[in-house]
Amino acid sequence: MRRLLGLLSFLFTAVVTVAVLGLGWAYARFSEPGPSSRDMVLVLPKGGGVAAIAGNLHRNGLITDQRIFRLGVRWADKGRRLRAGEYRFPAGIAMRGIVELLVSGDTVVRRITVPEGLTSAQVHELLAALEGLSGRIVNPVVEGALLPETYHFNFGDDRQEMLERMREGMKLALSELWPKRQESLPLASPGEAVILASIVEKETALASERPRIAGVFINRLRKGMRLQSDPTVVYALTLGSGPLGRALTRADLDIDSPYNSYRNKGLPPTPIANPGREALRAVLQPAATKELYFVADGSGGHLFATTYAAHQRNVQRWRRFKKRRQAPE
C-alpha cells in the first residue's frame, strides 16, 4: 500500500512538474520577441474570434504558433476584449504585446485634408474614392455646408458620418466667428457670410489677400455695385461639378444665371464652394479699405484700385503681361 501511495505521489509530482515546465515554456514563448523584422500595418476585421485573429497574425508573419497565442489569450482572460481595426505592429513584437495592443484599441489613425474651395460635389467624390472608409454617402449636403480642414479617422469609419463631421465643423466655425463680426456689415445672416466667403476663397490663393478682397466686395455691396466675380460665372456654367477646364469668354459673362454676378446685383443664391475658416474670418473682419476693384498681377496676387480709371490701367498692365507670356520665345 505504501509503495502504491509512493508511486502515485511520484507520478503526481512528475505530472505537476511537467505541467509547470510546460506552462513556463509556453509563457516564455508567449513573451519572447516575435518573428517580424519590420513594422507592419494590418487590418483585423470585425466579427473574427480569437482563432481567426491568430490565423491572420500567423499568415502575416507576426506569430509562429497559433496555439500558444490562443492559450495566452485564454490564460489572460482577454478573448472578449480584443478589438478589431487597423493596427501598427512594431518589429519583433511579442505575442503578449500583440494581445495588449489589441485590448488597448490603439488603432492606426488616418487623416484626410479637404482643401479650401472645393465644391460639395468634389468633396463627395473625394470621400467616395478614399481608401479606408466604408459605406456610401446617402445624404449629400448642399453647397457651402462643409468646413475644409484636416480630419482624422480610423479604418472602417462611415463616409456619411465623415460628411456629417464636416458639416458640424462648419456650424461650429460659424457659431464662433459670426458673433465677432464687424458692425454694420451688409451681411444679414451667417449664410450670407458663407456665400461671400466662398467667392473670396475662389478669388485668391493668398491668405494675406483674403481680408483685402473681402473688403472690396463689402464696399461694392454697400454701394449697390455688382460683384463682377469670375468664379461666380464659372459656377453658373458648371454648377459645382468640377473645374471649367478653360478660360472664361466674353460670352460666358452674359450667361443668364442667378450666379452670374456680372448681370445680377448682390450675392448669388448659394455659396459657390466650401470656404475655409480664414475666408470666413476675412469677410466678417474685412480690411478697412476704399478699394472697389482688383485684377490679377501675373504673380499669383492682385492689383487693387479705388477708381475705375486706376483699375483700367491695372487691367492694361495685366493684358500686357499675358501677351508677353503667350508670345513665342
C-alpha atoms as a PDB file:
ATOM      1  CA  MET A   1       0.000   0.000   0.000  1.00  0.00           C
ATOM      2  CA  ARG A   2       2.813   2.359   0.910  1.00  0.00           C
ATOM      3  CA  ARG A   3       4.536   1.542  -2.350  1.00  0.00           C
ATOM      4  CA  LEU A   4       1.357   2.360  -4.267  1.00  0.00           C
ATOM      5  CA  LEU A   5       0.947   5.656  -2.445  1.00  0.00           C
ATOM      6  CA  GLY A   6       4.563   6.467  -3.075  1.00  0.00           C
ATOM      7  CA  LEU A   7       4.207   5.695  -6.747  1.00  0.00           C
ATOM      8  CA  LEU A   8       1.088   7.813  -7.023  1.00  0.00           C
ATOM      9  CA  SER A   9       2.819  10.677  -5.222  1.00  0.00           C
ATOM     10  CA  PHE A  10       5.765  10.403  -7.570  1.00  0.00           C
ATOM     11  CA  LEU A  11       3.521  10.370 -10.641  1.00  0.00           C
ATOM     12  CA  PHE A  12       1.534  13.345  -9.332  1.00  0.00           C
ATOM     13  CA  THR A  13       4.705  15.281  -8.687  1.00  0.00           C
ATOM     14  CA  ALA A  14       6.020  14.396 -12.126  1.00  0.00           C
ATOM     15  CA  VAL A  15       2.803  15.484 -13.819  1.00  0.00           C
ATOM     16  CA  VAL A  16       2.759  18.756 -11.890  1.00  0.00           C
ATOM     17  CA  THR A  17       6.415  19.350 -12.702  1.00  0.00           C
ATOM     18  CA  VAL A  18       5.838  18.691 -16.393  1.00  0.00           C
ATOM     19  CA  ALA A  19       2.780  20.917 -16.374  1.00  0.00           C
ATOM     20  CA  VAL A  20       4.643  23.733 -14.646  1.00  0.00           C
ATOM     21  CA  LEU A  21       7.567  23.365 -17.014  1.00  0.00           C
ATOM     22  CA  GLY A  22       5.148  23.296 -19.960  1.00  0.00           C
ATOM     23  CA  LEU A  23       3.366  26.403 -18.768  1.00  0.00           C
ATOM     24  CA  GLY A  24       6.677  28.108 -18.185  1.00  0.00           C
ATOM     25  CA  TRP A  25       7.831  27.185 -21.670  1.00  0.00           C
ATOM     26  CA  ALA A  26       4.540  28.357 -23.177  1.00  0.00           C
ATOM     27  CA  TYR A  27       4.681  31.646 -21.251  1.00  0.00           C
ATOM     28  CA  ALA A  28       8.255  32.172 -22.382  1.00  0.00           C
ATOM     29  CA  ARG A  29       7.171  31.603 -25.994  1.00  0.00           C
ATOM     30  CA  PHE A  30       4.222  33.963 -25.441  1.00  0.00           C
ATOM     31  CA  SER A  31       6.545  36.669 -24.114  1.00  0.00           C
ATOM     32  CA  GLU A  32       9.572  36.274 -26.368  1.00  0.00           C
ATOM     33  CA  PRO A  33      10.185  38.600 -29.351  1.00  0.00           C
ATOM     34  CA  GLY A  34       8.141  37.746 -32.416  1.00  0.00           C
ATOM     35  CA  PRO A  35       9.399  36.823 -35.900  1.00  0.00           C
ATOM     36  CA  SER A  36       8.594  40.091 -37.705  1.00  0.00           C
ATOM     37  CA  SER A  37      11.663  42.036 -38.806  1.00  0.00           C
ATOM     38  CA  ARG A  38       9.878  45.288 -39.658  1.00  0.00           C
ATOM     39  CA  ASP A  39       6.919  47.357 -38.558  1.00  0.00           C
ATOM     40  CA  MET A  40       3.706  46.101 -40.106  1.00  0.00           C
ATOM     41  CA  VAL A  41       0.232  47.600 -40.523  1.00  0.00           C
ATOM     42  CA  LEU A  42      -2.534  45.004 -40.527  1.00  0.00           C
ATOM     43  CA  VAL A  43      -6.325  45.192 -40.542  1.00  0.00           C
ATOM     44  CA  LEU A  44      -8.108  42.737 -38.262  1.00  0.00           C
ATOM     45  CA  PRO A  45     -11.729  42.631 -39.470  1.00  0.00           C
ATOM     46  CA  LYS A  46     -14.739  42.725 -37.216  1.00  0.00           C
ATOM     47  CA  GLY A  47     -16.530  39.521 -36.347  1.00  0.00           C
ATOM     48  CA  GLY A  48     -13.441  37.326 -36.096  1.00  0.00           C
ATOM     49  CA  GLY A  49     -12.835  35.319 -32.921  1.00  0.00           C
ATOM     50  CA  VAL A  50      -9.507  34.538 -31.277  1.00  0.00           C
ATOM     51  CA  ALA A  51      -8.840  31.676 -33.701  1.00  0.00           C
ATOM     52  CA  ALA A  52      -9.439  33.935 -36.737  1.00  0.00           C
ATOM     53  CA  ILE A  53      -7.179  36.622 -35.283  1.00  0.00           C
ATOM     54  CA  ALA A  54      -4.457  34.060 -34.574  1.00  0.00           C
ATOM     55  CA  GLY A  55      -4.673  32.761 -38.145  1.00  0.00           C
ATOM     56  CA  ASN A  56      -4.448  36.271 -39.557  1.00  0.00           C
ATOM     57  CA  LEU A  57      -1.414  37.096 -37.434  1.00  0.00           C
ATOM     58  CA  HIS A  58       0.260  33.817 -38.402  1.00  0.00           C
ATOM     59  CA  ARG A  59      -0.341  34.289 -42.131  1.00  0.00           C
ATOM     60  CA  ASN A  60       1.250  37.709 -41.960  1.00  0.00           C
ATOM     61  CA  GLY A  61       4.331  36.529 -40.093  1.00  0.00           C
ATOM     62  CA  LEU A  62       3.613  38.190 -36.742  1.00  0.00           C
ATOM     63  CA  ILE A  63       3.407  34.983 -34.706  1.00  0.00           C
ATOM     64  CA  THR A  64       4.863  31.497 -35.188  1.00  0.00           C
ATOM     65  CA  ASP A  65       2.500  29.405 -33.076  1.00  0.00           C
ATOM     66  CA  GLN A  66      -1.252  29.943 -33.161  1.00  0.00           C
ATOM     67  CA  ARG A  67      -1.855  27.545 -30.280  1.00  0.00           C
ATOM     68  CA  ILE A  68       0.432  29.475 -27.948  1.00  0.00           C
ATOM     69  CA  PHE A  69      -1.297  32.699 -28.912  1.00  0.00           C
ATOM     70  CA  ARG A  70      -4.761  31.243 -28.231  1.00  0.00           C
ATOM     71  CA  LEU A  71      -3.602  29.763 -24.914  1.00  0.00           C
ATOM     72  CA  GLY A  72      -2.057  33.078 -23.908  1.00  0.00           C
ATOM     73  CA  VAL A  73      -5.257  34.953 -24.674  1.00  0.00           C
ATOM     74  CA  ARG A  74      -7.275  32.402 -22.692  1.00  0.00           C
ATOM     75  CA  TRP A  75      -4.806  32.462 -19.804  1.00  0.00           C
ATOM     76  CA  ALA A  76      -5.036  36.269 -19.654  1.00  0.00           C
ATOM     77  CA  ASP A  77      -8.859  36.063 -19.962  1.00  0.00           C
ATOM     78  CA  LYS A  78      -8.859  38.712 -22.693  1.00  0.00           C
ATOM     79  CA  GLY A  79     -10.591  36.891 -25.522  1.00  0.00           C
ATOM     80  CA  ARG A  80     -13.668  39.116 -25.427  1.00  0.00           C
ATOM     81  CA  ARG A  81     -11.633  42.310 -25.105  1.00  0.00           C
ATOM     82  CA  LEU A  82      -9.679  42.031 -28.349  1.00  0.00           C
ATOM     83  CA  ARG A  83     -10.788  44.848 -30.689  1.00  0.00           C
ATOM     84  CA  ALA A  84     -10.903  44.758 -34.451  1.00  0.00           C
ATOM     85  CA  GLY A  85      -9.339  47.523 -36.505  1.00  0.00           C
ATOM     86  CA  GLU A  86      -6.169  48.618 -38.242  1.00  0.00           C
ATOM     87  CA  TYR A  87      -3.041  48.279 -36.111  1.00  0.00           C
ATOM     88  CA  ARG A  88       0.620  49.094 -36.474  1.00  0.00           C
ATOM     89  CA  PHE A  89       2.683  46.218 -35.058  1.00  0.00           C
ATOM     90  CA  PRO A  90       6.298  47.119 -34.195  1.00  0.00           C
ATOM     91  CA  ALA A  91       9.065  44.874 -35.462  1.00  0.00           C
ATOM     92  CA  GLY A  92       9.674  41.910 -33.161  1.00  0.00           C
ATOM     93  CA  ILE A  93       6.544  42.463 -31.079  1.00  0.00           C
ATOM     94  CA  ALA A  94       5.838  39.533 -28.776  1.00  0.00           C
ATOM     95  CA  MET A  95       2.512  37.719 -28.670  1.00  0.00           C
ATOM     96  CA  ARG A  96       1.879  39.219 -25.237  1.00  0.00           C
ATOM     97  CA  GLY A  97       2.488  42.668 -26.693  1.00  0.00           C
ATOM     98  CA  ILE A  98       0.082  41.930 -29.545  1.00  0.00           C
ATOM     99  CA  VAL A  99      -2.651  40.999 -27.071  1.00  0.00           C
ATOM    100  CA  GLU A 100      -2.040  44.185 -25.074  1.00  0.00           C
ATOM    101  CA  LEU A 101      -2.208  46.247 -28.271  1.00  0.00           C
ATOM    102  CA  LEU A 102      -5.466  44.633 -29.418  1.00  0.00           C
ATOM    103  CA  VAL A 103      -7.021  45.154 -26.000  1.00  0.00           C
ATOM    104  CA  SER A 104      -5.992  48.824 -25.936  1.00  0.00           C
ATOM    105  CA  GLY A 105      -7.747  49.538 -29.228  1.00  0.00           C
ATOM    106  CA  ASP A 106      -4.868  51.859 -30.184  1.00  0.00           C
ATOM    107  CA  THR A 107      -5.609  51.643 -33.882  1.00  0.00           C
ATOM    108  CA  VAL A 108      -3.873  53.478 -36.721  1.00  0.00           C
ATOM    109  CA  VAL A 109      -5.250  56.985 -37.137  1.00  0.00           C
ATOM    110  CA  ARG A 110      -5.632  58.039 -40.756  1.00  0.00           C
ATOM    111  CA  ARG A 111      -6.283  61.558 -41.960  1.00  0.00           C
ATOM    112  CA  ILE A 112      -7.734  63.402 -44.903  1.00  0.00           C
ATOM    113  CA  THR A 113      -7.165  67.053 -45.772  1.00  0.00           C
ATOM    114  CA  VAL A 114     -10.073  68.728 -47.551  1.00  0.00           C
ATOM    115  CA  PRO A 115      -8.691  71.753 -49.447  1.00  0.00           C
ATOM    116  CA  GLU A 116     -10.441  75.087 -49.167  1.00  0.00           C
ATOM    117  CA  GLY A 117     -12.615  75.993 -52.122  1.00  0.00           C
ATOM    118  CA  LEU A 118     -13.795  72.542 -53.195  1.00  0.00           C
ATOM    119  CA  THR A 119     -17.451  72.262 -54.110  1.00  0.00           C
ATOM    120  CA  SER A 120     -19.626  69.821 -52.195  1.00  0.00           C
ATOM    121  CA  ALA A 121     -19.734  67.541 -55.245  1.00  0.00           C
ATOM    122  CA  GLN A 122     -15.938  67.441 -55.265  1.00  0.00           C
ATOM    123  CA  VAL A 123     -15.833  66.626 -51.546  1.00  0.00           C
ATOM    124  CA  HIS A 124     -18.322  63.800 -52.131  1.00  0.00           C
ATOM    125  CA  GLU A 125     -16.038  62.418 -54.848  1.00  0.00           C
ATOM    126  CA  LEU A 126     -13.014  62.743 -52.568  1.00  0.00           C
ATOM    127  CA  LEU A 127     -14.695  60.727 -49.828  1.00  0.00           C
ATOM    128  CA  ALA A 128     -16.044  58.153 -52.265  1.00  0.00           C
ATOM    129  CA  ALA A 129     -12.523  57.430 -53.516  1.00  0.00           C
ATOM    130  CA  LEU A 130     -10.858  57.498 -50.089  1.00  0.00           C
ATOM    131  CA  GLU A 131      -9.424  54.133 -49.084  1.00  0.00           C
ATOM    132  CA  GLY A 132     -10.273  53.013 -45.573  1.00  0.00           C
ATOM    133  CA  LEU A 133     -13.792  54.410 -45.315  1.00  0.00           C
ATOM    134  CA  SER A 134     -16.896  52.259 -45.565  1.00  0.00           C
ATOM    135  CA  GLY A 135     -20.480  52.776 -46.693  1.00  0.00           C
ATOM    136  CA  ARG A 136     -21.936  55.211 -49.200  1.00  0.00           C
ATOM    137  CA  ILE A 137     -22.954  58.847 -48.974  1.00  0.00           C
ATOM    138  CA  VAL A 138     -26.732  58.621 -48.896  1.00  0.00           C
ATOM    139  CA  ASN A 139     -27.496  62.218 -47.886  1.00  0.00           C
ATOM    140  CA  PRO A 140     -25.342  64.664 -49.895  1.00  0.00           C
ATOM    141  CA  VAL A 141     -25.007  68.143 -48.421  1.00  0.00           C
ATOM    142  CA  VAL A 142     -25.714  71.486 -50.027  1.00  0.00           C
ATOM    143  CA  GLU A 143     -23.029  73.826 -51.292  1.00  0.00           C
ATOM    144  CA  GLY A 144     -21.039  75.625 -48.625  1.00  0.00           C
ATOM    145  CA  ALA A 145     -22.136  73.394 -45.738  1.00  0.00           C
ATOM    146  CA  LEU A 146     -18.768  71.678 -45.215  1.00  0.00           C
ATOM    147  CA  LEU A 147     -15.692  73.001 -43.420  1.00  0.00           C
ATOM    148  CA  PRO A 148     -12.414  72.299 -45.259  1.00  0.00           C
ATOM    149  CA  GLU A 149      -9.907  71.019 -42.706  1.00  0.00           C
ATOM    150  CA  THR A 150      -7.776  68.007 -41.851  1.00  0.00           C
ATOM    151  CA  TYR A 151      -9.926  65.230 -40.415  1.00  0.00           C
ATOM    152  CA  HIS A 152      -8.727  62.091 -38.656  1.00  0.00           C
ATOM    153  CA  PHE A 153     -10.456  58.750 -38.988  1.00  0.00           C
ATOM    154  CA  ASN A 154      -9.980  55.048 -38.400  1.00  0.00           C
ATOM    155  CA  PHE A 155     -10.175  52.237 -40.903  1.00  0.00           C
ATOM    156  CA  GLY A 156     -13.792  51.281 -41.489  1.00  0.00           C
ATOM    157  CA  ASP A 157     -15.325  54.606 -40.433  1.00  0.00           C
ATOM    158  CA  ASP A 158     -18.505  55.514 -42.327  1.00  0.00           C
ATOM    159  CA  ARG A 159     -18.398  58.014 -45.213  1.00  0.00           C
ATOM    160  CA  GLN A 160     -21.729  59.580 -44.296  1.00  0.00           C
ATOM    161  CA  GLU A 161     -20.547  60.077 -40.715  1.00  0.00           C
ATOM    162  CA  MET A 162     -17.372  61.736 -42.010  1.00  0.00           C
ATOM    163  CA  LEU A 163     -19.509  64.090 -44.088  1.00  0.00           C
ATOM    164  CA  GLU A 164     -21.596  64.911 -41.018  1.00  0.00           C
ATOM    165  CA  ARG A 165     -18.421  65.754 -39.096  1.00  0.00           C
ATOM    166  CA  MET A 166     -17.508  68.247 -41.825  1.00  0.00           C
ATOM    167  CA  ARG A 167     -20.977  69.772 -41.646  1.00  0.00           C
ATOM    168  CA  GLU A 168     -20.772  70.075 -37.879  1.00  0.00           C
ATOM    169  CA  GLY A 169     -17.342  71.668 -38.317  1.00  0.00           C
ATOM    170  CA  MET A 170     -18.856  74.426 -40.452  1.00  0.00           C
ATOM    171  CA  LYS A 171     -21.657  75.012 -37.954  1.00  0.00           C
ATOM    172  CA  LEU A 172     -19.131  75.300 -35.139  1.00  0.00           C
ATOM    173  CA  ALA A 173     -16.891  77.668 -37.091  1.00  0.00           C
ATOM    174  CA  LEU A 174     -19.826  79.960 -37.857  1.00  0.00           C
ATOM    175  CA  SER A 175     -21.005  79.908 -34.258  1.00  0.00           C
ATOM    176  CA  GLU A 176     -17.525  81.062 -33.213  1.00  0.00           C
ATOM    177  CA  LEU A 177     -16.902  83.666 -35.934  1.00  0.00           C
ATOM    178  CA  TRP A 178     -20.311  85.235 -36.614  1.00  0.00           C
ATOM    179  CA  PRO A 179     -20.655  86.891 -33.151  1.00  0.00           C
ATOM    180  CA  LYS A 180     -17.211  88.516 -33.645  1.00  0.00           C
ATOM    181  CA  ARG A 181     -18.129  90.185 -36.940  1.00  0.00           C
ATOM    182  CA  GLN A 182     -17.592  93.856 -37.607  1.00  0.00           C
ATOM    183  CA  GLU A 183     -20.565  96.115 -37.088  1.00  0.00           C
ATOM    184  CA  SER A 184     -22.701  97.301 -39.998  1.00  0.00           C
ATOM    185  CA  LEU A 185     -21.613  94.634 -42.475  1.00  0.00           C
ATOM    186  CA  PRO A 186     -24.026  94.255 -45.421  1.00  0.00           C
ATOM    187  CA  LEU A 187     -24.495  90.604 -44.474  1.00  0.00           C
ATOM    188  CA  ALA A 188     -27.844  89.665 -42.982  1.00  0.00           C
ATOM    189  CA  SER A 189     -27.021  86.150 -41.771  1.00  0.00           C
ATOM    190  CA  PRO A 190     -24.266  83.577 -41.324  1.00  0.00           C
ATOM    191  CA  GLY A 191     -25.493  82.009 -44.571  1.00  0.00           C
ATOM    192  CA  GLU A 192     -24.723  85.208 -46.487  1.00  0.00           C
ATOM    193  CA  ALA A 193     -21.281  85.279 -44.873  1.00  0.00           C
ATOM    194  CA  VAL A 194     -20.640  81.766 -46.233  1.00  0.00           C
ATOM    195  CA  ILE A 195     -21.737  82.856 -49.717  1.00  0.00           C
ATOM    196  CA  LEU A 196     -19.334  85.797 -49.771  1.00  0.00           C
ATOM    197  CA  ALA A 197     -16.537  83.753 -48.163  1.00  0.00           C
ATOM    198  CA  SER A 198     -16.882  81.136 -50.898  1.00  0.00           C
ATOM    199  CA  ILE A 199     -16.333  83.841 -53.529  1.00  0.00           C
ATOM    200  CA  VAL A 200     -13.313  85.219 -51.673  1.00  0.00           C
ATOM    201  CA  GLU A 201     -11.936  81.684 -51.380  1.00  0.00           C
ATOM    202  CA  LYS A 202     -12.134  81.160 -55.144  1.00  0.00           C
ATOM    203  CA  GLU A 203     -10.713  84.596 -55.986  1.00  0.00           C
ATOM    204  CA  THR A 204      -7.319  84.218 -54.308  1.00  0.00           C
ATOM    205  CA  ALA A 205      -4.966  81.542 -53.095  1.00  0.00           C
ATOM    206  CA  LEU A 206      -3.018  84.048 -50.982  1.00  0.00           C
ATOM    207  CA  ALA A 207      -4.073  84.109 -47.349  1.00  0.00           C
ATOM    208  CA  SER A 208      -2.750  87.657 -46.969  1.00  0.00           C
ATOM    209  CA  GLU A 209      -5.133  88.905 -49.684  1.00  0.00           C
ATOM    210  CA  ARG A 210      -8.364  87.471 -48.337  1.00  0.00           C
ATOM    211  CA  PRO A 211      -9.270  90.347 -45.967  1.00  0.00           C
ATOM    212  CA  ARG A 212      -8.455  92.903 -48.672  1.00  0.00           C
ATOM    213  CA  ILE A 213     -10.521  91.178 -51.352  1.00  0.00           C
ATOM    214  CA  ALA A 214     -13.302  90.742 -48.836  1.00  0.00           C
ATOM    215  CA  GLY A 215     -13.083  94.487 -48.171  1.00  0.00           C
ATOM    216  CA  VAL A 216     -13.506  95.212 -51.889  1.00  0.00           C
ATOM    217  CA  PHE A 217     -16.625  93.048 -52.113  1.00  0.00           C
ATOM    218  CA  ILE A 218     -18.062  94.550 -48.918  1.00  0.00           C
ATOM    219  CA  ASN A 219     -17.552  98.028 -50.393  1.00  0.00           C
ATOM    220  CA  ARG A 220     -19.283  97.027 -53.629  1.00  0.00           C
ATOM    221  CA  LEU A 221     -22.228  95.532 -51.747  1.00  0.00           C
ATOM    222  CA  ARG A 222     -22.612  98.713 -49.728  1.00  0.00           C
ATOM    223  CA  LYS A 223     -22.659 100.818 -52.887  1.00  0.00           C
ATOM    224  CA  GLY A 224     -25.080  98.512 -54.688  1.00  0.00           C
ATOM    225  CA  MET A 225     -22.455  97.597 -57.292  1.00  0.00           C
ATOM    226  CA  ARG A 226     -22.328  94.199 -58.968  1.00  0.00           C
ATOM    227  CA  LEU A 227     -19.609  91.943 -57.558  1.00  0.00           C
ATOM    228  CA  GLN A 228     -18.387  91.022 -61.068  1.00  0.00           C
ATOM    229  CA  SER A 229     -16.550  87.940 -59.843  1.00  0.00           C
ATOM    230  CA  ASP A 230     -15.334  85.433 -62.423  1.00  0.00           C
ATOM    231  CA  PRO A 231     -15.693  82.411 -60.081  1.00  0.00           C
ATOM    232  CA  THR A 232     -19.440  83.037 -59.858  1.00  0.00           C
ATOM    233  CA  VAL A 233     -19.657  82.758 -63.648  1.00  0.00           C
ATOM    234  CA  VAL A 234     -17.658  79.520 -63.568  1.00  0.00           C
ATOM    235  CA  TYR A 235     -20.155  78.150 -61.055  1.00  0.00           C
ATOM    236  CA  ALA A 236     -23.031  79.273 -63.263  1.00  0.00           C
ATOM    237  CA  LEU A 237     -21.528  77.167 -66.051  1.00  0.00           C
ATOM    238  CA  THR A 238     -20.553  74.081 -64.025  1.00  0.00           C
ATOM    239  CA  LEU A 239     -22.947  74.185 -61.044  1.00  0.00           C
ATOM    240  CA  GLY A 240     -20.111  72.889 -58.913  1.00  0.00           C
ATOM    241  CA  SER A 241     -19.499  69.687 -60.829  1.00  0.00           C
ATOM    242  CA  GLY A 242     -15.794  70.460 -61.199  1.00  0.00           C
ATOM    243  CA  PRO A 243     -13.310  72.814 -62.880  1.00  0.00           C
ATOM    244  CA  LEU A 244     -14.408  74.569 -66.059  1.00  0.00           C
ATOM    245  CA  GLY A 245     -11.264  73.428 -67.837  1.00  0.00           C
ATOM    246  CA  ARG A 246     -10.880  76.563 -69.947  1.00  0.00           C
ATOM    247  CA  ALA A 247     -10.683  80.326 -69.680  1.00  0.00           C
ATOM    248  CA  LEU A 248     -13.860  82.367 -69.483  1.00  0.00           C
ATOM    249  CA  THR A 249     -15.034  84.138 -72.629  1.00  0.00           C
ATOM    250  CA  ARG A 250     -16.958  87.370 -73.053  1.00  0.00           C
ATOM    251  CA  ALA A 251     -19.996  85.309 -74.000  1.00  0.00           C
ATOM    252  CA  ASP A 252     -19.748  83.479 -70.675  1.00  0.00           C
ATOM    253  CA  LEU A 253     -20.104  86.766 -68.816  1.00  0.00           C
ATOM    254  CA  ASP A 254     -23.557  87.202 -70.388  1.00  0.00           C
ATOM    255  CA  ILE A 255     -24.930  83.847 -69.263  1.00  0.00           C
ATOM    256  CA  ASP A 256     -28.431  84.127 -67.827  1.00  0.00           C
ATOM    257  CA  SER A 257     -27.973  82.672 -64.361  1.00  0.00           C
ATOM    258  CA  PRO A 258     -28.633  83.888 -60.809  1.00  0.00           C
ATOM    259  CA  TYR A 259     -24.991  83.002 -60.123  1.00  0.00           C
ATOM    260  CA  ASN A 260     -23.684  85.437 -62.746  1.00  0.00           C
ATOM    261  CA  SER A 261     -22.533  88.384 -60.643  1.00  0.00           C
ATOM    262  CA  TYR A 262     -21.791  90.387 -63.816  1.00  0.00           C
ATOM    263  CA  ARG A 263     -25.530  90.552 -64.534  1.00  0.00           C
ATOM    264  CA  ASN A 264     -27.035  90.436 -61.047  1.00  0.00           C
ATOM    265  CA  LYS A 265     -26.518  92.685 -58.072  1.00  0.00           C
ATOM    266  CA  GLY A 266     -25.984  91.339 -54.591  1.00  0.00           C
ATOM    267  CA  LEU A 267     -24.939  87.854 -53.597  1.00  0.00           C
ATOM    268  CA  PRO A 268     -25.593  84.646 -55.530  1.00  0.00           C
ATOM    269  CA  PRO A 269     -28.411  82.460 -54.162  1.00  0.00           C
ATOM    270  CA  THR A 270     -25.997  79.952 -52.567  1.00  0.00           C
ATOM    271  CA  PRO A 271     -22.271  79.570 -51.916  1.00  0.00           C
ATOM    272  CA  ILE A 272     -20.173  78.549 -54.914  1.00  0.00           C
ATOM    273  CA  ALA A 273     -17.783  76.366 -52.884  1.00  0.00           C
ATOM    274  CA  ASN A 274     -16.918  75.386 -49.329  1.00  0.00           C
ATOM    275  CA  PRO A 275     -14.872  78.210 -47.794  1.00  0.00           C
ATOM    276  CA  GLY A 276     -12.274  77.664 -45.105  1.00  0.00           C
ATOM    277  CA  ARG A 277     -12.142  79.237 -41.675  1.00  0.00           C
ATOM    278  CA  GLU A 278      -9.810  82.060 -42.764  1.00  0.00           C
ATOM    279  CA  ALA A 279     -12.030  83.072 -45.670  1.00  0.00           C
ATOM    280  CA  LEU A 280     -14.976  83.220 -43.269  1.00  0.00           C
ATOM    281  CA  ARG A 281     -12.917  85.321 -40.887  1.00  0.00           C
ATOM    282  CA  ALA A 282     -11.923  87.622 -43.761  1.00  0.00           C
ATOM    283  CA  VAL A 283     -15.498  88.503 -44.731  1.00  0.00           C
ATOM    284  CA  LEU A 284     -16.515  89.013 -41.110  1.00  0.00           C
ATOM    285  CA  GLN A 285     -13.413  91.081 -40.357  1.00  0.00           C
ATOM    286  CA  PRO A 286     -12.609  92.625 -43.756  1.00  0.00           C
ATOM    287  CA  ALA A 287      -9.739  95.021 -44.296  1.00  0.00           C
ATOM    288  CA  ALA A 288     -10.588  98.701 -43.902  1.00  0.00           C
ATOM    289  CA  THR A 289     -10.192  99.945 -47.465  1.00  0.00           C
ATOM    290  CA  LYS A 290     -11.871 102.206 -50.026  1.00  0.00           C
ATOM    291  CA  GLU A 291     -10.847  99.952 -52.910  1.00  0.00           C
ATOM    292  CA  LEU A 292     -13.539  98.808 -55.322  1.00  0.00           C
ATOM    293  CA  TYR A 293     -11.571  96.891 -57.956  1.00  0.00           C
ATOM    294  CA  PHE A 294      -8.861  94.274 -58.320  1.00  0.00           C
ATOM    295  CA  VAL A 295      -7.271  92.329 -61.148  1.00  0.00           C
ATOM    296  CA  ALA A 296      -4.592  89.641 -61.349  1.00  0.00           C
ATOM    297  CA  ASP A 297      -0.994  90.884 -61.282  1.00  0.00           C
ATOM    298  CA  GLY A 298       0.536  87.859 -63.015  1.00  0.00           C
ATOM    299  CA  SER A 299       2.404  86.582 -59.968  1.00  0.00           C
ATOM    300  CA  GLY A 300      -0.466  84.904 -58.136  1.00  0.00           C
ATOM    301  CA  GLY A 301      -1.650  88.079 -56.455  1.00  0.00           C
ATOM    302  CA  HIS A 302      -3.780  91.057 -57.439  1.00  0.00           C
ATOM    303  CA  LEU A 303      -3.559  94.768 -58.177  1.00  0.00           C
ATOM    304  CA  PHE A 304      -6.121  96.888 -56.327  1.00  0.00           C
ATOM    305  CA  ALA A 305      -7.670 100.248 -57.188  1.00  0.00           C
ATOM    306  CA  THR A 306     -10.100 102.737 -55.694  1.00  0.00           C
ATOM    307  CA  THR A 307     -11.167 104.274 -59.032  1.00  0.00           C
ATOM    308  CA  TYR A 308     -12.270 102.784 -62.312  1.00  0.00           C
ATOM    309  CA  ALA A 309      -9.561 104.725 -64.186  1.00  0.00           C
ATOM    310  CA  ALA A 310      -6.842 103.245 -61.983  1.00  0.00           C
ATOM    311  CA  HIS A 311      -8.410  99.833 -62.389  1.00  0.00           C
ATOM    312  CA  GLN A 312      -8.306 100.154 -66.183  1.00  0.00           C
ATOM    313  CA  ARG A 313      -4.591 100.907 -66.015  1.00  0.00           C
ATOM    314  CA  ASN A 314      -4.106  97.766 -63.933  1.00  0.00           C
ATOM    315  CA  VAL A 315      -6.136  95.764 -66.449  1.00  0.00           C
ATOM    316  CA  GLN A 316      -3.929  97.014 -69.286  1.00  0.00           C
ATOM    317  CA  ARG A 317      -0.886  96.043 -67.291  1.00  0.00           C
ATOM    318  CA  TRP A 318      -2.342  92.539 -66.820  1.00  0.00           C
ATOM    319  CA  ARG A 319      -3.096  92.237 -70.524  1.00  0.00           C
ATOM    320  CA  ARG A 320       0.441  93.240 -71.460  1.00  0.00           C
ATOM    321  CA  PHE A 321       1.775  90.631 -69.051  1.00  0.00           C
ATOM    322  CA  LYS A 322      -0.463  87.936 -70.597  1.00  0.00           C
ATOM    323  CA  LYS A 323       0.647  88.935 -74.077  1.00  0.00           C
ATOM    324  CA  ARG A 324       4.331  88.697 -73.170  1.00  0.00           C
ATOM    325  CA  ARG A 325       3.779  85.338 -71.516  1.00  0.00           C
ATOM    326  CA  GLN A 326       1.973  83.944 -74.560  1.00  0.00           C
ATOM    327  CA  ALA A 327       4.497  85.287 -77.067  1.00  0.00           C
ATOM    328  CA  PRO A 328       6.820  82.622 -78.589  1.00  0.00           C
ATOM    329  CA  GLU A 329      10.412  82.753 -77.431  1.00  0.00           C
END
